[in-house]
Amino acid sequence: MVGQEKVYETLAALGIEFEYTEHPAAPTIEIARQYWKNLDSTHCKNLFFRNHKGNRHYLVILQCDHDMAIHDMEKMLKQGKLSFASEARMEKYLGLRPGSVSPFGLLNDTEHHVYVFLDKHLQEAKRLSFHPNDNHASLAIKTEDFIRYMDYVGNAYEWNYINTERNNFQFSTFNFQLT
């Protein structure tokens, strides 16, 4: 199977079943859509950001058809300007290359440096799909199993609504504290 072996080892250790689809490189949502036709799941977009100082990193996971307003997130975090993290930072904190960003990259973040924001709409999905840290394949897992995975991996995370009509974040509860 294509992808980092530790992804499959972790899923097996947690007893998480998955559907596997191998396909040509799919570094963008637009390209990946053509290969997801037979994968019954909610497909996710994974965005990796850094703050202006470069000392905080965030993984934002949302439905692939949703957008987010980065300026609203900047205001909420009060960390200054956010930008996409560089390839070097992606490699350092997630062990990934551009086009392969996935929550499975958190397995490589042994110091739990990356904070994760999850679109609350994803909780309504039966199954979610992600790359197994390589964009030549996709995995679909049950949403409750994804939550078990997130709890296991140990990075701090929170669920938030993303208002797609106004294209901004709406936080129902916010307990995130920067240290």
Foldseek 3Di string as FASTA:
>chain_A
DDADPVLVVVCVVLVWDKDKFFAPFQLAPVRCVVRCPPPPWFEKDWFWKAFPVRQAIEIEIEGNPFAADQVQVCVVVVRHHMDGDDQVVCCQQQVAGRSQDDPLSLLVRLVLRYEYEYALVRVVIQWYKHHNRGRRMIIITGPVVVVVVVVVSDHHYDYWHQPRVVRYTDGPDDDDDDD
